[in-house]
Amino acid sequence: TGRPIPVNVRILAATNKNLQEEIRH
């Protein structure tokens, strides 16, 4: 359609990984 759907969402994220280490790799 080419018409994006607007969304109003609050995002909470969780991880047990070291994301800075994941970024380096």
PDBML (XML) file of the C-alpha atoms, coordinates in Angstrom:
<?xml version="1.0" encoding="UTF-8" ?>
<PDBx:datablock datablockName="MODEL"
   xmlns:PDBx="http://pdbml.pdb.org/schema/pdbx-v50.xsd"
   xmlns:xsi="http://www.w3.org/2001/XMLSchema-instance"
   xsi:schemaLocation="http://pdbml.pdb.org/schema/pdbx-v50.xsd pdbx-v50.xsd">
   <PDBx:atom_siteCategory>
      <PDBx:atom_site id="1">
         <PDBx:B_iso_or_equiv>0.00</PDBx:B_iso_or_equiv>
         <PDBx:Cartn_x>0.000</PDBx:Cartn_x>
         <PDBx:Cartn_y>0.000</PDBx:Cartn_y>
         <PDBx:Cartn_z>0.000</PDBx:Cartn_z>
         <PDBx:auth_asym_id>A</PDBx:auth_asym_id>
         <PDBx:auth_atom_id>CA</PDBx:auth_atom_id>
         <PDBx:auth_comp_id>THR</PDBx:auth_comp_id>
         <PDBx:auth_seq_id>1</PDBx:auth_seq_id>
         <PDBx:group_PDB>ATOM</PDBx:group_PDB>
         <PDBx:label_alt_id xsi:nil="true" />
         <PDBx:label_asym_id>A</PDBx:label_asym_id>
         <PDBx:label_atom_id>CA</PDBx:label_atom_id>
         <PDBx:label_comp_id>THR</PDBx:label_comp_id>
         <PDBx:label_entity_id>1</PDBx:label_entity_id>
         <PDBx:label_seq_id>1</PDBx:label_seq_id>
         <PDBx:occupancy>1.00</PDBx:occupancy>
         <PDBx:pdbx_PDB_model_num>1</PDBx:pdbx_PDB_model_num>
         <PDBx:type_symbol>C</PDBx:type_symbol>
      </PDBx:atom_site>
      <PDBx:atom_site id="2">
         <PDBx:B_iso_or_equiv>0.00</PDBx:B_iso_or_equiv>
         <PDBx:Cartn_x>2.887</PDBx:Cartn_x>
         <PDBx:Cartn_y>2.364</PDBx:Cartn_y>
         <PDBx:Cartn_z>0.670</PDBx:Cartn_z>
         <PDBx:auth_asym_id>A</PDBx:auth_asym_id>
         <PDBx:auth_atom_id>CA</PDBx:auth_atom_id>
         <PDBx:auth_comp_id>GLY</PDBx:auth_comp_id>
         <PDBx:auth_seq_id>2</PDBx:auth_seq_id>
         <PDBx:group_PDB>ATOM</PDBx:group_PDB>
         <PDBx:label_alt_id xsi:nil="true" />
         <PDBx:label_asym_id>A</PDBx:label_asym_id>
         <PDBx:label_atom_id>CA</PDBx:label_atom_id>
         <PDBx:label_comp_id>GLY</PDBx:label_comp_id>
         <PDBx:label_entity_id>1</PDBx:label_entity_id>
         <PDBx:label_seq_id>2</PDBx:label_seq_id>
         <PDBx:occupancy>1.00</PDBx:occupancy>
         <PDBx:pdbx_PDB_model_num>1</PDBx:pdbx_PDB_model_num>
         <PDBx:type_symbol>C</PDBx:type_symbol>
      </PDBx:atom_site>
      <PDBx:atom_site id="3">
         <PDBx:B_iso_or_equiv>0.00</PDBx:B_iso_or_equiv>
         <PDBx:Cartn_x>0.963</PDBx:Cartn_x>
         <PDBx:Cartn_y>3.712</PDBx:Cartn_y>
         <PDBx:Cartn_z>3.655</PDBx:Cartn_z>
         <PDBx:auth_asym_id>A</PDBx:auth_asym_id>
         <PDBx:auth_atom_id>CA</PDBx:auth_atom_id>
         <PDBx:auth_comp_id>ARG</PDBx:auth_comp_id>
         <PDBx:auth_seq_id>3</PDBx:auth_seq_id>
         <PDBx:group_PDB>ATOM</PDBx:group_PDB>
         <PDBx:label_alt_id xsi:nil="true" />
         <PDBx:label_asym_id>A</PDBx:label_asym_id>
         <PDBx:label_atom_id>CA</PDBx:label_atom_id>
         <PDBx:label_comp_id>ARG</PDBx:label_comp_id>
         <PDBx:label_entity_id>1</PDBx:label_entity_id>
         <PDBx:label_seq_id>3</PDBx:label_seq_id>
         <PDBx:occupancy>1.00</PDBx:occupancy>
         <PDBx:pdbx_PDB_model_num>1</PDBx:pdbx_PDB_model_num>
         <PDBx:type_symbol>C</PDBx:type_symbol>
      </PDBx:atom_site>
      <PDBx:atom_site id="4">
         <PDBx:B_iso_or_equiv>0.00</PDBx:B_iso_or_equiv>
         <PDBx:Cartn_x>2.877</PDBx:Cartn_x>
         <PDBx:Cartn_y>3.109</PDBx:Cartn_y>
         <PDBx:Cartn_z>6.912</PDBx:Cartn_z>
         <PDBx:auth_asym_id>A</PDBx:auth_asym_id>
         <PDBx:auth_atom_id>CA</PDBx:auth_atom_id>
         <PDBx:auth_comp_id>PRO</PDBx:auth_comp_id>
         <PDBx:auth_seq_id>4</PDBx:auth_seq_id>
         <PDBx:group_PDB>ATOM</PDBx:group_PDB>
         <PDBx:label_alt_id xsi:nil="true" />
         <PDBx:label_asym_id>A</PDBx:label_asym_id>
         <PDBx:label_atom_id>CA</PDBx:label_atom_id>
         <PDBx:label_comp_id>PRO</PDBx:label_comp_id>
         <PDBx:label_entity_id>1</PDBx:label_entity_id>
         <PDBx:label_seq_id>4</PDBx:label_seq_id>
         <PDBx:occupancy>1.00</PDBx:occupancy>
         <PDBx:pdbx_PDB_model_num>1</PDBx:pdbx_PDB_model_num>
         <PDBx:type_symbol>C</PDBx:type_symbol>
      </PDBx:atom_site>
      <PDBx:atom_site id="5">
         <PDBx:B_iso_or_equiv>0.00</PDBx:B_iso_or_equiv>
         <PDBx:Cartn_x>0.846</PDBx:Cartn_x>
         <PDBx:Cartn_y>2.323</PDBx:Cartn_y>
         <PDBx:Cartn_z>10.028</PDBx:Cartn_z>
         <PDBx:auth_asym_id>A</PDBx:auth_asym_id>
         <PDBx:auth_atom_id>CA</PDBx:auth_atom_id>
         <PDBx:auth_comp_id>ILE</PDBx:auth_comp_id>
         <PDBx:auth_seq_id>5</PDBx:auth_seq_id>
         <PDBx:group_PDB>ATOM</PDBx:group_PDB>
         <PDBx:label_alt_id xsi:nil="true" />
         <PDBx:label_asym_id>A</PDBx:label_asym_id>
         <PDBx:label_atom_id>CA</PDBx:label_atom_id>
         <PDBx:label_comp_id>ILE</PDBx:label_comp_id>
         <PDBx:label_entity_id>1</PDBx:label_entity_id>
         <PDBx:label_seq_id>5</PDBx:label_seq_id>
         <PDBx:occupancy>1.00</PDBx:occupancy>
         <PDBx:pdbx_PDB_model_num>1</PDBx:pdbx_PDB_model_num>
         <PDBx:type_symbol>C</PDBx:type_symbol>
      </PDBx:atom_site>
      <PDBx:atom_site id="6">
         <PDBx:B_iso_or_equiv>0.00</PDBx:B_iso_or_equiv>
         <PDBx:Cartn_x>1.408</PDBx:Cartn_x>
         <PDBx:Cartn_y>4.776</PDBx:Cartn_y>
         <PDBx:Cartn_z>12.928</PDBx:Cartn_z>
         <PDBx:auth_asym_id>A</PDBx:auth_asym_id>
         <PDBx:auth_atom_id>CA</PDBx:auth_atom_id>
         <PDBx:auth_comp_id>PRO</PDBx:auth_comp_id>
         <PDBx:auth_seq_id>6</PDBx:auth_seq_id>
         <PDBx:group_PDB>ATOM</PDBx:group_PDB>
         <PDBx:label_alt_id xsi:nil="true" />
         <PDBx:label_asym_id>A</PDBx:label_asym_id>
         <PDBx:label_atom_id>CA</PDBx:label_atom_id>
         <PDBx:label_comp_id>PRO</PDBx:label_comp_id>
         <PDBx:label_entity_id>1</PDBx:label_entity_id>
         <PDBx:label_seq_id>6</PDBx:label_seq_id>
         <PDBx:occupancy>1.00</PDBx:occupancy>
         <PDBx:pdbx_PDB_model_num>1</PDBx:pdbx_PDB_model_num>
         <PDBx:type_symbol>C</PDBx:type_symbol>
      </PDBx:atom_site>
      <PDBx:atom_site id="7">
         <PDBx:B_iso_or_equiv>0.00</PDBx:B_iso_or_equiv>
         <PDBx:Cartn_x>2.124</PDBx:Cartn_x>
         <PDBx:Cartn_y>3.186</PDBx:Cartn_y>
         <PDBx:Cartn_z>16.322</PDBx:Cartn_z>
         <PDBx:auth_asym_id>A</PDBx:auth_asym_id>
         <PDBx:auth_atom_id>CA</PDBx:auth_atom_id>
         <PDBx:auth_comp_id>VAL</PDBx:auth_comp_id>
         <PDBx:auth_seq_id>7</PDBx:auth_seq_id>
         <PDBx:group_PDB>ATOM</PDBx:group_PDB>
         <PDBx:label_alt_id xsi:nil="true" />
         <PDBx:label_asym_id>A</PDBx:label_asym_id>
         <PDBx:label_atom_id>CA</PDBx:label_atom_id>
         <PDBx:label_comp_id>VAL</PDBx:label_comp_id>
         <PDBx:label_entity_id>1</PDBx:label_entity_id>
         <PDBx:label_seq_id>7</PDBx:label_seq_id>
         <PDBx:occupancy>1.00</PDBx:occupancy>
         <PDBx:pdbx_PDB_model_num>1</PDBx:pdbx_PDB_model_num>
         <PDBx:type_symbol>C</PDBx:type_symbol>
      </PDBx:atom_site>
      <PDBx:atom_site id="8">
         <PDBx:B_iso_or_equiv>0.00</PDBx:B_iso_or_equiv>
         <PDBx:Cartn_x>2.556</PDBx:Cartn_x>
         <PDBx:Cartn_y>4.742</PDBx:Cartn_y>
         <PDBx:Cartn_z>19.756</PDBx:Cartn_z>
         <PDBx:auth_asym_id>A</PDBx:auth_asym_id>
         <PDBx:auth_atom_id>CA</PDBx:auth_atom_id>
         <PDBx:auth_comp_id>ASN</PDBx:auth_comp_id>
         <PDBx:auth_seq_id>8</PDBx:auth_seq_id>
         <PDBx:group_PDB>ATOM</PDBx:group_PDB>
         <PDBx:label_alt_id xsi:nil="true" />
         <PDBx:label_asym_id>A</PDBx:label_asym_id>
         <PDBx:label_atom_id>CA</PDBx:label_atom_id>
         <PDBx:label_comp_id>ASN</PDBx:label_comp_id>
         <PDBx:label_entity_id>1</PDBx:label_entity_id>
         <PDBx:label_seq_id>8</PDBx:label_seq_id>
         <PDBx:occupancy>1.00</PDBx:occupancy>
         <PDBx:pdbx_PDB_model_num>1</PDBx:pdbx_PDB_model_num>
         <PDBx:type_symbol>C</PDBx:type_symbol>
      </PDBx:atom_site>
      <PDBx:atom_site id="9">
         <PDBx:B_iso_or_equiv>0.00</PDBx:B_iso_or_equiv>
         <PDBx:Cartn_x>4.481</PDBx:Cartn_x>
         <PDBx:Cartn_y>2.236</PDBx:Cartn_y>
         <PDBx:Cartn_z>21.836</PDBx:Cartn_z>
         <PDBx:auth_asym_id>A</PDBx:auth_asym_id>
         <PDBx:auth_atom_id>CA</PDBx:auth_atom_id>
         <PDBx:auth_comp_id>VAL</PDBx:auth_comp_id>
         <PDBx:auth_seq_id>9</PDBx:auth_seq_id>
         <PDBx:group_PDB>ATOM</PDBx:group_PDB>
         <PDBx:label_alt_id xsi:nil="true" />
         <PDBx:label_asym_id>A</PDBx:label_asym_id>
         <PDBx:label_atom_id>CA</PDBx:label_atom_id>
         <PDBx:label_comp_id>VAL</PDBx:label_comp_id>
         <PDBx:label_entity_id>1</PDBx:label_entity_id>
         <PDBx:label_seq_id>9</PDBx:label_seq_id>
         <PDBx:occupancy>1.00</PDBx:occupancy>
         <PDBx:pdbx_PDB_model_num>1</PDBx:pdbx_PDB_model_num>
         <PDBx:type_symbol>C</PDBx:type_symbol>
      </PDBx:atom_site>
      <PDBx:atom_site id="10">
         <PDBx:B_iso_or_equiv>0.00</PDBx:B_iso_or_equiv>
         <PDBx:Cartn_x>6.759</PDBx:Cartn_x>
         <PDBx:Cartn_y>2.463</PDBx:Cartn_y>
         <PDBx:Cartn_z>24.837</PDBx:Cartn_z>
         <PDBx:auth_asym_id>A</PDBx:auth_asym_id>
         <PDBx:auth_atom_id>CA</PDBx:auth_atom_id>
         <PDBx:auth_comp_id>ARG</PDBx:auth_comp_id>
         <PDBx:auth_seq_id>10</PDBx:auth_seq_id>
         <PDBx:group_PDB>ATOM</PDBx:group_PDB>
         <PDBx:label_alt_id xsi:nil="true" />
         <PDBx:label_asym_id>A</PDBx:label_asym_id>
         <PDBx:label_atom_id>CA</PDBx:label_atom_id>
         <PDBx:label_comp_id>ARG</PDBx:label_comp_id>
         <PDBx:label_entity_id>1</PDBx:label_entity_id>
         <PDBx:label_seq_id>10</PDBx:label_seq_id>
         <PDBx:occupancy>1.00</PDBx:occupancy>
         <PDBx:pdbx_PDB_model_num>1</PDBx:pdbx_PDB_model_num>
         <PDBx:type_symbol>C</PDBx:type_symbol>
      </PDBx:atom_site>
      <PDBx:atom_site id="11">
         <PDBx:B_iso_or_equiv>0.00</PDBx:B_iso_or_equiv>
         <PDBx:Cartn_x>9.653</PDBx:Cartn_x>
         <PDBx:Cartn_y>0.040</PDBx:Cartn_y>
         <PDBx:Cartn_z>24.471</PDBx:Cartn_z>
         <PDBx:auth_asym_id>A</PDBx:auth_asym_id>
         <PDBx:auth_atom_id>CA</PDBx:auth_atom_id>
         <PDBx:auth_comp_id>ILE</PDBx:auth_comp_id>
         <PDBx:auth_seq_id>11</PDBx:auth_seq_id>
         <PDBx:group_PDB>ATOM</PDBx:group_PDB>
         <PDBx:label_alt_id xsi:nil="true" />
         <PDBx:label_asym_id>A</PDBx:label_asym_id>
         <PDBx:label_atom_id>CA</PDBx:label_atom_id>
         <PDBx:label_comp_id>ILE</PDBx:label_comp_id>
         <PDBx:label_entity_id>1</PDBx:label_entity_id>
         <PDBx:label_seq_id>11</PDBx:label_seq_id>
         <PDBx:occupancy>1.00</PDBx:occupancy>
         <PDBx:pdbx_PDB_model_num>1</PDBx:pdbx_PDB_model_num>
         <PDBx:type_symbol>C</PDBx:type_symbol>
      </PDBx:atom_site>
      <PDBx:atom_site id="12">
         <PDBx:B_iso_or_equiv>0.00</PDBx:B_iso_or_equiv>
         <PDBx:Cartn_x>11.295</PDBx:Cartn_x>
         <PDBx:Cartn_y>-1.816</PDBx:Cartn_y>
         <PDBx:Cartn_z>27.328</PDBx:Cartn_z>
         <PDBx:auth_asym_id>A</PDBx:auth_asym_id>
         <PDBx:auth_atom_id>CA</PDBx:auth_atom_id>
         <PDBx:auth_comp_id>LEU</PDBx:auth_comp_id>
         <PDBx:auth_seq_id>12</PDBx:auth_seq_id>
         <PDBx:group_PDB>ATOM</PDBx:group_PDB>
         <PDBx:label_alt_id xsi:nil="true" />
         <PDBx:label_asym_id>A</PDBx:label_asym_id>
         <PDBx:label_atom_id>CA</PDBx:label_atom_id>
         <PDBx:label_comp_id>LEU</PDBx:label_comp_id>
         <PDBx:label_entity_id>1</PDBx:label_entity_id>
         <PDBx:label_seq_id>12</PDBx:label_seq_id>
         <PDBx:occupancy>1.00</PDBx:occupancy>
         <PDBx:pdbx_PDB_model_num>1</PDBx:pdbx_PDB_model_num>
         <PDBx:type_symbol>C</PDBx:type_symbol>
      </PDBx:atom_site>
      <PDBx:atom_site id="13">
         <PDBx:B_iso_or_equiv>0.00</PDBx:B_iso_or_equiv>
         <PDBx:Cartn_x>14.116</PDBx:Cartn_x>
         <PDBx:Cartn_y>-4.201</PDBx:Cartn_y>
         <PDBx:Cartn_z>26.452</PDBx:Cartn_z>
         <PDBx:auth_asym_id>A</PDBx:auth_asym_id>
         <PDBx:auth_atom_id>CA</PDBx:auth_atom_id>
         <PDBx:auth_comp_id>ALA</PDBx:auth_comp_id>
         <PDBx:auth_seq_id>13</PDBx:auth_seq_id>
         <PDBx:group_PDB>ATOM</PDBx:group_PDB>
         <PDBx:label_alt_id xsi:nil="true" />
         <PDBx:label_asym_id>A</PDBx:label_asym_id>
         <PDBx:label_atom_id>CA</PDBx:label_atom_id>
         <PDBx:label_comp_id>ALA</PDBx:label_comp_id>
         <PDBx:label_entity_id>1</PDBx:label_entity_id>
         <PDBx:label_seq_id>13</PDBx:label_seq_id>
         <PDBx:occupancy>1.00</PDBx:occupancy>
         <PDBx:pdbx_PDB_model_num>1</PDBx:pdbx_PDB_model_num>
         <PDBx:type_symbol>C</PDBx:type_symbol>
      </PDBx:atom_site>
      <PDBx:atom_site id="14">
         <PDBx:B_iso_or_equiv>0.00</PDBx:B_iso_or_equiv>
         <PDBx:Cartn_x>16.021</PDBx:Cartn_x>
         <PDBx:Cartn_y>-6.804</PDBx:Cartn_y>
         <PDBx:Cartn_z>28.440</PDBx:Cartn_z>
         <PDBx:auth_asym_id>A</PDBx:auth_asym_id>
         <PDBx:auth_atom_id>CA</PDBx:auth_atom_id>
         <PDBx:auth_comp_id>ALA</PDBx:auth_comp_id>
         <PDBx:auth_seq_id>14</PDBx:auth_seq_id>
         <PDBx:group_PDB>ATOM</PDBx:group_PDB>
         <PDBx:label_alt_id xsi:nil="true" />
         <PDBx:label_asym_id>A</PDBx:label_asym_id>
         <PDBx:label_atom_id>CA</PDBx:label_atom_id>
         <PDBx:label_comp_id>ALA</PDBx:label_comp_id>
         <PDBx:label_entity_id>1</PDBx:label_entity_id>
         <PDBx:label_seq_id>14</PDBx:label_seq_id>
         <PDBx:occupancy>1.00</PDBx:occupancy>
         <PDBx:pdbx_PDB_model_num>1</PDBx:pdbx_PDB_model_num>
         <PDBx:type_symbol>C</PDBx:type_symbol>
      </PDBx:atom_site>
      <PDBx:atom_site id="15">
         <PDBx:B_iso_or_equiv>0.00</PDBx:B_iso_or_equiv>
         <PDBx:Cartn_x>19.063</PDBx:Cartn_x>
         <PDBx:Cartn_y>-8.953</PDBx:Cartn_y>
         <PDBx:Cartn_z>27.832</PDBx:Cartn_z>
         <PDBx:auth_asym_id>A</PDBx:auth_asym_id>
         <PDBx:auth_atom_id>CA</PDBx:auth_atom_id>
         <PDBx:auth_comp_id>THR</PDBx:auth_comp_id>
         <PDBx:auth_seq_id>15</PDBx:auth_seq_id>
         <PDBx:group_PDB>ATOM</PDBx:group_PDB>
         <PDBx:label_alt_id xsi:nil="true" />
         <PDBx:label_asym_id>A</PDBx:label_asym_id>
         <PDBx:label_atom_id>CA</PDBx:label_atom_id>
         <PDBx:label_comp_id>THR</PDBx:label_comp_id>
         <PDBx:label_entity_id>1</PDBx:label_entity_id>
         <PDBx:label_seq_id>15</PDBx:label_seq_id>
         <PDBx:occupancy>1.00</PDBx:occupancy>
         <PDBx:pdbx_PDB_model_num>1</PDBx:pdbx_PDB_model_num>
         <PDBx:type_symbol>C</PDBx:type_symbol>
      </PDBx:atom_site>
      <PDBx:atom_site id="16">
         <PDBx:B_iso_or_equiv>0.00</PDBx:B_iso_or_equiv>
         <PDBx:Cartn_x>21.531</PDBx:Cartn_x>
         <PDBx:Cartn_y>-11.148</PDBx:Cartn_y>
         <PDBx:Cartn_z>29.665</PDBx:Cartn_z>
         <PDBx:auth_asym_id>A</PDBx:auth_asym_id>
         <PDBx:auth_atom_id>CA</PDBx:auth_atom_id>
         <PDBx:auth_comp_id>ASN</PDBx:auth_comp_id>
         <PDBx:auth_seq_id>16</PDBx:auth_seq_id>
         <PDBx:group_PDB>ATOM</PDBx:group_PDB>
         <PDBx:label_alt_id xsi:nil="true" />
         <PDBx:label_asym_id>A</PDBx:label_asym_id>
         <PDBx:label_atom_id>CA</PDBx:label_atom_id>
         <PDBx:label_comp_id>ASN</PDBx:label_comp_id>
         <PDBx:label_entity_id>1</PDBx:label_entity_id>
         <PDBx:label_seq_id>16</PDBx:label_seq_id>
         <PDBx:occupancy>1.00</PDBx:occupancy>
         <PDBx:pdbx_PDB_model_num>1</PDBx:pdbx_PDB_model_num>
         <PDBx:type_symbol>C</PDBx:type_symbol>
      </PDBx:atom_site>
      <PDBx:atom_site id="17">
         <PDBx:B_iso_or_equiv>0.00</PDBx:B_iso_or_equiv>
         <PDBx:Cartn_x>24.212</PDBx:Cartn_x>
         <PDBx:Cartn_y>-10.373</PDBx:Cartn_y>
         <PDBx:Cartn_z>27.092</PDBx:Cartn_z>
         <PDBx:auth_asym_id>A</PDBx:auth_asym_id>
         <PDBx:auth_atom_id>CA</PDBx:auth_atom_id>
         <PDBx:auth_comp_id>LYS</PDBx:auth_comp_id>
         <PDBx:auth_seq_id>17</PDBx:auth_seq_id>
         <PDBx:group_PDB>ATOM</PDBx:group_PDB>
         <PDBx:label_alt_id xsi:nil="true" />
         <PDBx:label_asym_id>A</PDBx:label_asym_id>
         <PDBx:label_atom_id>CA</PDBx:label_atom_id>
         <PDBx:label_comp_id>LYS</PDBx:label_comp_id>
         <PDBx:label_entity_id>1</PDBx:label_entity_id>
         <PDBx:label_seq_id>17</PDBx:label_seq_id>
         <PDBx:occupancy>1.00</PDBx:occupancy>
         <PDBx:pdbx_PDB_model_num>1</PDBx:pdbx_PDB_model_num>
         <PDBx:type_symbol>C</PDBx:type_symbol>
      </PDBx:atom_site>
      <PDBx:atom_site id="18">
         <PDBx:B_iso_or_equiv>0.00</PDBx:B_iso_or_equiv>
         <PDBx:Cartn_x>26.896</PDBx:Cartn_x>
         <PDBx:Cartn_y>-7.697</PDBx:Cartn_y>
         <PDBx:Cartn_z>27.116</PDBx:Cartn_z>
         <PDBx:auth_asym_id>A</PDBx:auth_asym_id>
         <PDBx:auth_atom_id>CA</PDBx:auth_atom_id>
         <PDBx:auth_comp_id>ASN</PDBx:auth_comp_id>
         <PDBx:auth_seq_id>18</PDBx:auth_seq_id>
         <PDBx:group_PDB>ATOM</PDBx:group_PDB>
         <PDBx:label_alt_id xsi:nil="true" />
         <PDBx:label_asym_id>A</PDBx:label_asym_id>
         <PDBx:label_atom_id>CA</PDBx:label_atom_id>
         <PDBx:label_comp_id>ASN</PDBx:label_comp_id>
         <PDBx:label_entity_id>1</PDBx:label_entity_id>
         <PDBx:label_seq_id>18</PDBx:label_seq_id>
         <PDBx:occupancy>1.00</PDBx:occupancy>
         <PDBx:pdbx_PDB_model_num>1</PDBx:pdbx_PDB_model_num>
         <PDBx:type_symbol>C</PDBx:type_symbol>
      </PDBx:atom_site>
      <PDBx:atom_site id="19">
         <PDBx:B_iso_or_equiv>0.00</PDBx:B_iso_or_equiv>
         <PDBx:Cartn_x>25.565</PDBx:Cartn_x>
         <PDBx:Cartn_y>-5.623</PDBx:Cartn_y>
         <PDBx:Cartn_z>24.220</PDBx:Cartn_z>
         <PDBx:auth_asym_id>A</PDBx:auth_asym_id>
         <PDBx:auth_atom_id>CA</PDBx:auth_atom_id>
         <PDBx:auth_comp_id>LEU</PDBx:auth_comp_id>
         <PDBx:auth_seq_id>19</PDBx:auth_seq_id>
         <PDBx:group_PDB>ATOM</PDBx:group_PDB>
         <PDBx:label_alt_id xsi:nil="true" />
         <PDBx:label_asym_id>A</PDBx:label_asym_id>
         <PDBx:label_atom_id>CA</PDBx:label_atom_id>
         <PDBx:label_comp_id>LEU</PDBx:label_comp_id>
         <PDBx:label_entity_id>1</PDBx:label_entity_id>
         <PDBx:label_seq_id>19</PDBx:label_seq_id>
         <PDBx:occupancy>1.00</PDBx:occupancy>
         <PDBx:pdbx_PDB_model_num>1</PDBx:pdbx_PDB_model_num>
         <PDBx:type_symbol>C</PDBx:type_symbol>
      </PDBx:atom_site>
      <PDBx:atom_site id="20">
         <PDBx:B_iso_or_equiv>0.00</PDBx:B_iso_or_equiv>
         <PDBx:Cartn_x>28.735</PDBx:Cartn_x>
         <PDBx:Cartn_y>-3.547</PDBx:Cartn_y>
         <PDBx:Cartn_z>23.952</PDBx:Cartn_z>
         <PDBx:auth_asym_id>A</PDBx:auth_asym_id>
         <PDBx:auth_atom_id>CA</PDBx:auth_atom_id>
         <PDBx:auth_comp_id>GLN</PDBx:auth_comp_id>
         <PDBx:auth_seq_id>20</PDBx:auth_seq_id>
         <PDBx:group_PDB>ATOM</PDBx:group_PDB>
         <PDBx:label_alt_id xsi:nil="true" />
         <PDBx:label_asym_id>A</PDBx:label_asym_id>
         <PDBx:label_atom_id>CA</PDBx:label_atom_id>
         <PDBx:label_comp_id>GLN</PDBx:label_comp_id>
         <PDBx:label_entity_id>1</PDBx:label_entity_id>
         <PDBx:label_seq_id>20</PDBx:label_seq_id>
         <PDBx:occupancy>1.00</PDBx:occupancy>
         <PDBx:pdbx_PDB_model_num>1</PDBx:pdbx_PDB_model_num>
         <PDBx:type_symbol>C</PDBx:type_symbol>
      </PDBx:atom_site>
      <PDBx:atom_site id="21">
         <PDBx:B_iso_or_equiv>0.00</PDBx:B_iso_or_equiv>
         <PDBx:Cartn_x>30.624</PDBx:Cartn_x>
         <PDBx:Cartn_y>-6.787</PDBx:Cartn_y>
         <PDBx:Cartn_z>23.369</PDBx:Cartn_z>
         <PDBx:auth_asym_id>A</PDBx:auth_asym_id>
         <PDBx:auth_atom_id>CA</PDBx:auth_atom_id>
         <PDBx:auth_comp_id>GLU</PDBx:auth_comp_id>
         <PDBx:auth_seq_id>21</PDBx:auth_seq_id>
         <PDBx:group_PDB>ATOM</PDBx:group_PDB>
         <PDBx:label_alt_id xsi:nil="true" />
         <PDBx:label_asym_id>A</PDBx:label_asym_id>
         <PDBx:label_atom_id>CA</PDBx:label_atom_id>
         <PDBx:label_comp_id>GLU</PDBx:label_comp_id>
         <PDBx:label_entity_id>1</PDBx:label_entity_id>
         <PDBx:label_seq_id>21</PDBx:label_seq_id>
         <PDBx:occupancy>1.00</PDBx:occupancy>
         <PDBx:pdbx_PDB_model_num>1</PDBx:pdbx_PDB_model_num>
         <PDBx:type_symbol>C</PDBx:type_symbol>
      </PDBx:atom_site>
      <PDBx:atom_site id="22">
         <PDBx:B_iso_or_equiv>0.00</PDBx:B_iso_or_equiv>
         <PDBx:Cartn_x>27.987</PDBx:Cartn_x>
         <PDBx:Cartn_y>-7.826</PDBx:Cartn_y>
         <PDBx:Cartn_z>20.807</PDBx:Cartn_z>
         <PDBx:auth_asym_id>A</PDBx:auth_asym_id>
         <PDBx:auth_atom_id>CA</PDBx:auth_atom_id>
         <PDBx:auth_comp_id>GLU</PDBx:auth_comp_id>
         <PDBx:auth_seq_id>22</PDBx:auth_seq_id>
         <PDBx:group_PDB>ATOM</PDBx:group_PDB>
         <PDBx:label_alt_id xsi:nil="true" />
         <PDBx:label_asym_id>A</PDBx:label_asym_id>
         <PDBx:label_atom_id>CA</PDBx:label_atom_id>
         <PDBx:label_comp_id>GLU</PDBx:label_comp_id>
         <PDBx:label_entity_id>1</PDBx:label_entity_id>
         <PDBx:label_seq_id>22</PDBx:label_seq_id>
         <PDBx:occupancy>1.00</PDBx:occupancy>
         <PDBx:pdbx_PDB_model_num>1</PDBx:pdbx_PDB_model_num>
         <PDBx:type_symbol>C</PDBx:type_symbol>
      </PDBx:atom_site>
      <PDBx:atom_site id="23">
         <PDBx:B_iso_or_equiv>0.00</PDBx:B_iso_or_equiv>
         <PDBx:Cartn_x>28.482</PDBx:Cartn_x>
         <PDBx:Cartn_y>-4.468</PDBx:Cartn_y>
         <PDBx:Cartn_z>19.054</PDBx:Cartn_z>
         <PDBx:auth_asym_id>A</PDBx:auth_asym_id>
         <PDBx:auth_atom_id>CA</PDBx:auth_atom_id>
         <PDBx:auth_comp_id>ILE</PDBx:auth_comp_id>
         <PDBx:auth_seq_id>23</PDBx:auth_seq_id>
         <PDBx:group_PDB>ATOM</PDBx:group_PDB>
         <PDBx:label_alt_id xsi:nil="true" />
         <PDBx:label_asym_id>A</PDBx:label_asym_id>
         <PDBx:label_atom_id>CA</PDBx:label_atom_id>
         <PDBx:label_comp_id>ILE</PDBx:label_comp_id>
         <PDBx:label_entity_id>1</PDBx:label_entity_id>
         <PDBx:label_seq_id>23</PDBx:label_seq_id>
         <PDBx:occupancy>1.00</PDBx:occupancy>
         <PDBx:pdbx_PDB_model_num>1</PDBx:pdbx_PDB_model_num>
         <PDBx:type_symbol>C</PDBx:type_symbol>
      </PDBx:atom_site>
      <PDBx:atom_site id="24">
         <PDBx:B_iso_or_equiv>0.00</PDBx:B_iso_or_equiv>
         <PDBx:Cartn_x>32.243</PDBx:Cartn_x>
         <PDBx:Cartn_y>-5.036</PDBx:Cartn_y>
         <PDBx:Cartn_z>18.826</PDBx:Cartn_z>
         <PDBx:auth_asym_id>A</PDBx:auth_asym_id>
         <PDBx:auth_atom_id>CA</PDBx:auth_atom_id>
         <PDBx:auth_comp_id>ARG</PDBx:auth_comp_id>
         <PDBx:auth_seq_id>24</PDBx:auth_seq_id>
         <PDBx:group_PDB>ATOM</PDBx:group_PDB>
         <PDBx:label_alt_id xsi:nil="true" />
         <PDBx:label_asym_id>A</PDBx:label_asym_id>
         <PDBx:label_atom_id>CA</PDBx:label_atom_id>
         <PDBx:label_comp_id>ARG</PDBx:label_comp_id>
         <PDBx:label_entity_id>1</PDBx:label_entity_id>
         <PDBx:label_seq_id>24</PDBx:label_seq_id>
         <PDBx:occupancy>1.00</PDBx:occupancy>
         <PDBx:pdbx_PDB_model_num>1</PDBx:pdbx_PDB_model_num>
         <PDBx:type_symbol>C</PDBx:type_symbol>
      </PDBx:atom_site>
      <PDBx:atom_site id="25">
         <PDBx:B_iso_or_equiv>0.00</PDBx:B_iso_or_equiv>
         <PDBx:Cartn_x>31.594</PDBx:Cartn_x>
         <PDBx:Cartn_y>-8.380</PDBx:Cartn_y>
         <PDBx:Cartn_z>17.121</PDBx:Cartn_z>
         <PDBx:auth_asym_id>A</PDBx:auth_asym_id>
         <PDBx:auth_atom_id>CA</PDBx:auth_atom_id>
         <PDBx:auth_comp_id>HIS</PDBx:auth_comp_id>
         <PDBx:auth_seq_id>25</PDBx:auth_seq_id>
         <PDBx:group_PDB>ATOM</PDBx:group_PDB>
         <PDBx:label_alt_id xsi:nil="true" />
         <PDBx:label_asym_id>A</PDBx:label_asym_id>
         <PDBx:label_atom_id>CA</PDBx:label_atom_id>
         <PDBx:label_comp_id>HIS</PDBx:label_comp_id>
         <PDBx:label_entity_id>1</PDBx:label_entity_id>
         <PDBx:label_seq_id>25</PDBx:label_seq_id>
         <PDBx:occupancy>1.00</PDBx:occupancy>
         <PDBx:pdbx_PDB_model_num>1</PDBx:pdbx_PDB_model_num>
         <PDBx:type_symbol>C</PDBx:type_symbol>
      </PDBx:atom_site>
   </PDBx:atom_siteCategory>
</PDBx:datablock>
